[in-house]
């Protein structure tokens, strides 16, 4: 799912000859052709990030400290 925002409330654009438009400055789609067109429009900004399969590196945990019984 890709989400785009625009400063214009009803920005219109064409995908394969079909007119589409933002509503309230927002457009959400799963269509690859639409995503490709929207990434080329300078007045539209993608606000979500495509899911990456790269796991974040984890730091090994330090061993637990023993409490002194004094």
PDB file of N, CA and C in Angstrom:
ATOM      1  N   UNK A   1       0.857  -1.175   0.000  1.00  0.00           N
ATOM      2  CA  UNK A   1       0.000   0.000   0.000  1.00  0.00           C
ATOM      3  C   UNK A   1       0.898   1.231   0.000  1.00  0.00           C
ATOM      4  N   UNK A   2       0.692   2.095  -0.929  1.00  0.00           N
ATOM      5  CA  UNK A   2       1.475   3.325  -1.040  1.00  0.00           C
ATOM      6  C   UNK A   2       0.568   4.514  -0.763  1.00  0.00           C
ATOM      7  N   UNK A   3       1.079   5.454   0.022  1.00  0.00           N
ATOM      8  CA  UNK A   3       0.310   6.658   0.349  1.00  0.00           C
ATOM      9  C   UNK A   3       1.101   7.880  -0.090  1.00  0.00           C
ATOM     10  N   UNK A   4       0.399   8.775  -0.780  1.00  0.00           N
ATOM     11  CA  UNK A   4       1.003  10.008  -1.275  1.00  0.00           C
ATOM     12  C   UNK A   4       0.226  11.195  -0.733  1.00  0.00           C
ATOM     13  N   UNK A   5       0.927  12.303  -0.519  1.00  0.00           N
ATOM     14  CA  UNK A   5       0.282  13.544  -0.089  1.00  0.00           C
ATOM     15  C   UNK A   5       0.681  14.656  -1.041  1.00  0.00           C
ATOM     16  N   UNK A   6      -0.211  15.653  -1.150  1.00  0.00           N
ATOM     17  CA  UNK A   6       0.030  16.807  -1.996  1.00  0.00           C
ATOM     18  C   UNK A   6      -0.423  18.053  -1.265  1.00  0.00           C
ATOM     19  N   UNK A   7       0.200  19.180  -1.588  1.00  0.00           N
ATOM     20  CA  UNK A   7      -0.252  20.440  -0.992  1.00  0.00           C
ATOM     21  C   UNK A   7      -1.588  20.865  -1.586  1.00  0.00           C
ATOM     22  N   UNK A   8      -1.939  20.290  -2.744  1.00  0.00           N
ATOM     23  CA  UNK A   8      -3.210  20.600  -3.404  1.00  0.00           C
ATOM     24  C   UNK A   8      -4.251  19.568  -2.975  1.00  0.00           C
ATOM     25  N   UNK A   9      -5.417  20.033  -2.582  1.00  0.00           N
ATOM     26  CA  UNK A   9      -6.461  19.149  -2.079  1.00  0.00           C
ATOM     27  C   UNK A   9      -7.008  18.202  -3.142  1.00  0.00           C
ATOM     28  N   UNK A  10      -7.069  18.637  -4.396  1.00  0.00           N
ATOM     29  CA  UNK A  10      -7.635  17.807  -5.463  1.00  0.00           C
ATOM     30  C   UNK A  10      -6.716  17.746  -6.673  1.00  0.00           C
ATOM     31  N   UNK A  11      -5.463  17.411  -6.473  1.00  0.00           N
ATOM     32  CA  UNK A  11      -4.506  17.284  -7.560  1.00  0.00           C
ATOM     33  C   UNK A  11      -4.927  16.139  -8.477  1.00  0.00           C
ATOM     34  N   UNK A  12      -5.048  16.425  -9.768  1.00  0.00           N
ATOM     35  CA  UNK A  12      -5.456  15.406 -10.734  1.00  0.00           C
ATOM     36  C   UNK A  12      -4.293  14.939 -11.588  1.00  0.00           C
ATOM     37  N   UNK A  13      -4.358  13.673 -12.042  1.00  0.00           N
ATOM     38  CA  UNK A  13      -3.320  13.105 -12.885  1.00  0.00           C
ATOM     39  C   UNK A  13      -3.915  11.969 -13.710  1.00  0.00           C
ATOM     40  N   UNK A  14      -3.198  11.550 -14.739  1.00  0.00           N
ATOM     41  CA  UNK A  14      -3.667  10.470 -15.609  1.00  0.00           C
ATOM     42  C   UNK A  14      -2.760   9.255 -15.491  1.00  0.00           C
ATOM     43  N   UNK A  15      -3.395   8.071 -15.488  1.00  0.00           N
ATOM     44  CA  UNK A  15      -2.672   6.805 -15.529  1.00  0.00           C
ATOM     45  C   UNK A  15      -3.293   5.983 -16.651  1.00  0.00           C
ATOM     46  N   UNK A  16      -2.513   5.706 -17.677  1.00  0.00           N
ATOM     47  CA  UNK A  16      -2.997   4.948 -18.839  1.00  0.00           C
ATOM     48  C   UNK A  16      -4.289   5.524 -19.406  1.00  0.00           C
ATOM     49  N   UNK A  17      -4.377   6.854 -19.484  1.00  0.00           N
ATOM     50  CA  UNK A  17      -5.538   7.515 -20.049  1.00  0.00           C
ATOM     51  C   UNK A  17      -6.706   7.686 -19.092  1.00  0.00           C
ATOM     52  N   UNK A  18      -6.596   7.181 -17.877  1.00  0.00           N
ATOM     53  CA  UNK A  18      -7.672   7.301 -16.884  1.00  0.00           C
ATOM     54  C   UNK A  18      -7.344   8.429 -15.909  1.00  0.00           C
ATOM     55  N   UNK A  19      -8.310   9.347 -15.711  1.00  0.00           N
ATOM     56  CA  UNK A  19      -8.116  10.483 -14.812  1.00  0.00           C
ATOM     57  C   UNK A  19      -8.320  10.035 -13.375  1.00  0.00           C
ATOM     58  N   UNK A  20      -7.363  10.394 -12.518  1.00  0.00           N
ATOM     59  CA  UNK A  20      -7.458  10.103 -11.086  1.00  0.00           C
ATOM     60  C   UNK A  20      -7.113  11.377 -10.349  1.00  0.00           C
ATOM     61  N   UNK A  21      -7.539  11.490  -9.083  1.00  0.00           N
ATOM     62  CA  UNK A  21      -7.211  12.705  -8.340  1.00  0.00           C
ATOM     63  C   UNK A  21      -7.094  12.445  -6.842  1.00  0.00           C
ATOM     64  N   UNK A  22      -6.336  13.326  -6.215  1.00  0.00           N
ATOM     65  CA  UNK A  22      -6.194  13.316  -4.763  1.00  0.00           C
ATOM     66  C   UNK A  22      -7.486  13.843  -4.156  1.00  0.00           C
ATOM     67  N   UNK A  23      -7.839  13.331  -3.012  1.00  0.00           N
ATOM     68  CA  UNK A  23      -8.989  13.849  -2.272  1.00  0.00           C
ATOM     69  C   UNK A  23      -8.473  14.262  -0.902  1.00  0.00           C
ATOM     70  N   UNK A  24      -8.658  15.507  -0.565  1.00  0.00           N
ATOM     71  CA  UNK A  24      -8.156  16.013   0.705  1.00  0.00           C
ATOM     72  C   UNK A  24      -6.637  16.016   0.769  1.00  0.00           C
ATOM     73  N   UNK A  25      -5.992  16.084  -0.391  1.00  0.00           N
ATOM     74  CA  UNK A  25      -4.537  16.121  -0.427  1.00  0.00           C
ATOM     75  C   UNK A  25      -3.880  14.776  -0.198  1.00  0.00           C
ATOM     76  N   UNK A  26      -4.655  13.676  -0.311  1.00  0.00           N
ATOM     77  CA  UNK A  26      -4.150  12.338  -0.005  1.00  0.00           C
ATOM     78  C   UNK A  26      -4.584  11.360  -1.084  1.00  0.00           C
ATOM     79  N   UNK A  27      -3.696  10.405  -1.430  1.00  0.00           N
ATOM     80  CA  UNK A  27      -4.029   9.362  -2.398  1.00  0.00           C
ATOM     81  C   UNK A  27      -3.362   8.066  -1.945  1.00  0.00           C
ATOM     82  N   UNK A  28      -4.133   6.993  -1.833  1.00  0.00           N
ATOM     83  CA  UNK A  28      -3.625   5.690  -1.410  1.00  0.00           C
ATOM     84  C   UNK A  28      -3.920   4.682  -2.506  1.00  0.00           C
ATOM     85  N   UNK A  29      -2.924   3.863  -2.858  1.00  0.00           N
ATOM     86  CA  UNK A  29      -3.105   2.887  -3.927  1.00  0.00           C
ATOM     87  C   UNK A  29      -2.170   1.701  -3.763  1.00  0.00           C
ATOM     88  N   UNK A  30      -2.548   0.582  -4.395  1.00  0.00           N
ATOM     89  CA  UNK A  30      -1.698  -0.604  -4.505  1.00  0.00           C
ATOM     90  C   UNK A  30      -1.268  -0.815  -5.956  1.00  0.00           C
ATOM     91  N   UNK A  31      -1.842  -0.043  -6.872  1.00  0.00           N
ATOM     92  CA  UNK A  31      -1.593  -0.215  -8.300  1.00  0.00           C
ATOM     93  C   UNK A  31      -0.192   0.258  -8.674  1.00  0.00           C
ATOM     94  N   UNK A  32       0.615  -0.646  -9.256  1.00  0.00           N
ATOM     95  CA  UNK A  32       1.999  -0.325  -9.598  1.00  0.00           C
ATOM     96  C   UNK A  32       2.107   0.793 -10.642  1.00  0.00           C
ATOM     97  N   UNK A  33       1.217   0.804 -11.637  1.00  0.00           N
ATOM     98  CA  UNK A  33       1.252   1.843 -12.669  1.00  0.00           C
ATOM     99  C   UNK A  33       0.962   3.217 -12.057  1.00  0.00           C
ATOM    100  N   UNK A  34       0.018   3.280 -11.139  1.00  0.00           N
ATOM    101  CA  UNK A  34      -0.323   4.537 -10.472  1.00  0.00           C
ATOM    102  C   UNK A  34       0.829   5.009  -9.596  1.00  0.00           C
ATOM    103  N   UNK A  35       1.456   4.090  -8.884  1.00  0.00           N
ATOM    104  CA  UNK A  35       2.600   4.433  -8.033  1.00  0.00           C
ATOM    105  C   UNK A  35       3.730   5.004  -8.884  1.00  0.00           C
ATOM    106  N   UNK A  36       3.967   4.393 -10.045  1.00  0.00           N
ATOM    107  CA  UNK A  36       5.023   4.864 -10.945  1.00  0.00           C
ATOM    108  C   UNK A  36       4.751   6.288 -11.409  1.00  0.00           C
ATOM    109  N   UNK A  37       3.502   6.582 -11.780  1.00  0.00           N
ATOM    110  CA  UNK A  37       3.143   7.935 -12.221  1.00  0.00           C
ATOM    111  C   UNK A  37       3.289   8.927 -11.069  1.00  0.00           C
ATOM    112  N   UNK A  38       2.810   8.559  -9.890  1.00  0.00           N
ATOM    113  CA  UNK A  38       2.861   9.471  -8.749  1.00  0.00           C
ATOM    114  C   UNK A  38       4.283   9.774  -8.302  1.00  0.00           C
ATOM    115  N   UNK A  39       5.205   8.836  -8.465  1.00  0.00           N
ATOM    116  CA  UNK A  39       6.591   9.107  -8.088  1.00  0.00           C
ATOM    117  C   UNK A  39       7.243  10.117  -9.033  1.00  0.00           C
ATOM    118  N   UNK A  40       6.669  10.296 -10.232  1.00  0.00           N
ATOM    119  CA  UNK A  40       7.196  11.254 -11.204  1.00  0.00           C
ATOM    120  C   UNK A  40       6.608  12.652 -11.040  1.00  0.00           C
ATOM    121  N   UNK A  41       5.506  12.782 -10.311  1.00  0.00           N
ATOM    122  CA  UNK A  41       4.840  14.079 -10.129  1.00  0.00           C
ATOM    123  C   UNK A  41       5.554  14.853  -9.024  1.00  0.00           C
ATOM    124  N   UNK A  42       5.989  16.070  -9.351  1.00  0.00           N
ATOM    125  CA  UNK A  42       6.738  16.861  -8.367  1.00  0.00           C
ATOM    126  C   UNK A  42       5.860  17.401  -7.239  1.00  0.00           C
ATOM    127  N   UNK A  43       4.559  17.503  -7.470  1.00  0.00           N
ATOM    128  CA  UNK A  43       3.659  18.014  -6.438  1.00  0.00           C
ATOM    129  C   UNK A  43       3.110  16.921  -5.534  1.00  0.00           C
ATOM    130  N   UNK A  44       3.569  15.689  -5.711  1.00  0.00           N
ATOM    131  CA  UNK A  44       3.133  14.569  -4.874  1.00  0.00           C
ATOM    132  C   UNK A  44       4.341  13.987  -4.152  1.00  0.00           C
ATOM    133  N   UNK A  45       4.162  13.692  -2.873  1.00  0.00           N
ATOM    134  CA  UNK A  45       5.235  13.147  -2.061  1.00  0.00           C
ATOM    135  C   UNK A  45       4.765  11.854  -1.407  1.00  0.00           C
ATOM    136  N   UNK A  46       5.570  10.813  -1.538  1.00  0.00           N
ATOM    137  CA  UNK A  46       5.220   9.546  -0.894  1.00  0.00           C
ATOM    138  C   UNK A  46       5.528   9.667   0.587  1.00  0.00           C
ATOM    139  N   UNK A  47       4.535   9.338   1.419  1.00  0.00           N
ATOM    140  CA  UNK A  47       4.702   9.510   2.860  1.00  0.00           C
ATOM    141  C   UNK A  47       4.902   8.192   3.587  1.00  0.00           C
ATOM    142  N   UNK A  48       4.692   7.082   2.910  1.00  0.00           N
ATOM    143  CA  UNK A  48       5.001   5.803   3.519  1.00  0.00           C
ATOM    144  C   UNK A  48       6.296   5.304   2.896  1.00  0.00           C
ATOM    145  N   UNK A  49       6.917   4.363   3.499  1.00  0.00           N
ATOM    146  CA  UNK A  49       8.133   3.788   2.943  1.00  0.00           C
ATOM    147  C   UNK A  49       7.841   2.361   2.523  1.00  0.00           C
ATOM    148  N   UNK A  50       8.301   1.959   1.347  1.00  0.00           N
ATOM    149  CA  UNK A  50       8.103   0.564   0.953  1.00  0.00           C
ATOM    150  C   UNK A  50       8.739  -0.372   1.965  1.00  0.00           C
ATOM    151  N   UNK A  51       8.092  -1.486   2.215  1.00  0.00           N
ATOM    152  CA  UNK A  51       8.593  -2.449   3.199  1.00  0.00           C
ATOM    153  C   UNK A  51       9.925  -3.024   2.732  1.00  0.00           C
ATOM    154  N   UNK A  52      10.897  -2.935   3.577  1.00  0.00           N
ATOM    155  CA  UNK A  52      12.217  -3.477   3.286  1.00  0.00           C
ATOM    156  C   UNK A  52      12.377  -4.778   4.068  1.00  0.00           C
ATOM    157  N   UNK A  53      13.033  -5.724   3.477  1.00  0.00           N
ATOM    158  CA  UNK A  53      13.245  -7.010   4.133  1.00  0.00           C
ATOM    159  C   UNK A  53      14.561  -7.050   4.908  1.00  0.00           C
ATOM    160  N   UNK A  54      15.216  -5.901   5.078  1.00  0.00           N
ATOM    161  CA  UNK A  54      16.477  -5.867   5.787  1.00  0.00           C
ATOM    162  C   UNK A  54      16.237  -5.791   7.285  1.00  0.00           C
ATOM    163  N   UNK A  55      16.633  -6.798   8.020  1.00  0.00           N
ATOM    164  CA  UNK A  55      16.448  -6.731   9.476  1.00  0.00           C
ATOM    165  C   UNK A  55      17.440  -5.760  10.097  1.00  0.00           C
ATOM    166  N   UNK A  56      17.024  -5.113  11.145  1.00  0.00           N
ATOM    167  CA  UNK A  56      17.904  -4.179  11.839  1.00  0.00           C
ATOM    168  C   UNK A  56      18.918  -4.979  12.663  1.00  0.00           C
ATOM    169  N   UNK A  57      20.173  -4.539  12.669  1.00  0.00           N
ATOM    170  CA  UNK A  57      21.157  -5.261  13.479  1.00  0.00           C
ATOM    171  C   UNK A  57      20.853  -5.078  14.955  1.00  0.00           C
ATOM    172  N   UNK A  58      21.007  -6.151  15.700  1.00  0.00           N
ATOM    173  CA  UNK A  58      20.744  -6.080  17.136  1.00  0.00           C
ATOM    174  C   UNK A  58      22.059  -6.140  17.885  1.00  0.00           C
ATOM    175  N   UNK A  59      22.108  -5.414  18.961  1.00  0.00           N
ATOM    176  CA  UNK A  59      23.297  -5.368  19.786  1.00  0.00           C
ATOM    177  C   UNK A  59      23.183  -6.461  20.849  1.00  0.00           C
ATOM    178  N   UNK A  60      24.234  -7.220  21.081  1.00  0.00           N
ATOM    179  CA  UNK A  60      24.141  -8.220  22.153  1.00  0.00           C
ATOM    180  C   UNK A  60      23.985  -7.525  23.500  1.00  0.00           C
ATOM    181  N   UNK A  61      23.177  -8.104  24.350  1.00  0.00           N
ATOM    182  CA  UNK A  61      22.940  -7.517  25.671  1.00  0.00           C
ATOM    183  C   UNK A  61      24.118  -7.803  26.592  1.00  0.00           C
ATOM    184  N   UNK A  62      24.398  -6.856  27.452  1.00  0.00           N
ATOM    185  CA  UNK A  62      25.465  -7.026  28.441  1.00  0.00           C
ATOM    186  C   UNK A  62      24.978  -7.994  29.511  1.00  0.00           C
ATOM    187  N   UNK A  63      25.888  -8.779  30.084  1.00  0.00           N
ATOM    188  CA  UNK A  63      25.455  -9.699  31.139  1.00  0.00           C
ATOM    189  C   UNK A  63      24.904  -8.934  32.348  1.00  0.00           C
ATOM    190  N   UNK A  64      23.962  -9.532  33.005  1.00  0.00           N
ATOM    191  CA  UNK A  64      23.332  -8.893  34.162  1.00  0.00           C
ATOM    192  C   UNK A  64      24.349  -8.754  35.303  1.00  0.00           C
ATOM    193  N   UNK A  65      24.299  -7.648  35.987  1.00  0.00           N
ATOM    194  CA  UNK A  65      25.198  -7.429  37.119  1.00  0.00           C
ATOM    195  C   UNK A  65      24.614  -8.076  38.353  1.00  0.00           C
ATOM    196  N   UNK A  66      25.471  -8.673  39.146  1.00  0.00           N
ATOM    197  CA  UNK A  66      25.007  -9.293  40.400  1.00  0.00           C
ATOM    198  C   UNK A  66      24.929  -8.224  41.481  1.00  0.00           C
ATOM    199  N   UNK A  67      23.854  -8.263  42.237  1.00  0.00           N
ATOM    200  CA  UNK A  67      23.694  -7.310  43.324  1.00  0.00           C
ATOM    201  C   UNK A  67      24.576  -7.744  44.490  1.00  0.00           C
ATOM    202  N   UNK A  68      25.266  -6.783  45.078  1.00  0.00           N
ATOM    203  CA  UNK A  68      26.107  -7.127  46.216  1.00  0.00           C
ATOM    204  C   UNK A  68      25.243  -7.148  47.473  1.00  0.00           C
ATOM    205  N   UNK A  69      25.454  -8.104  48.317  1.00  0.00           N
ATOM    206  CA  UNK A  69      24.608  -8.272  49.499  1.00  0.00           C
ATOM    207  C   UNK A  69      25.182  -7.610  50.726  1.00  0.00           C
ATOM    208  N   UNK A  70      25.777  -6.464  50.655  1.00  0.00           N
ATOM    209  CA  UNK A  70      26.387  -5.798  51.815  1.00  0.00           C
ATOM    210  C   UNK A  70      25.415  -4.922  52.487  1.00  0.00           C
TER     211      UNK A  70
END
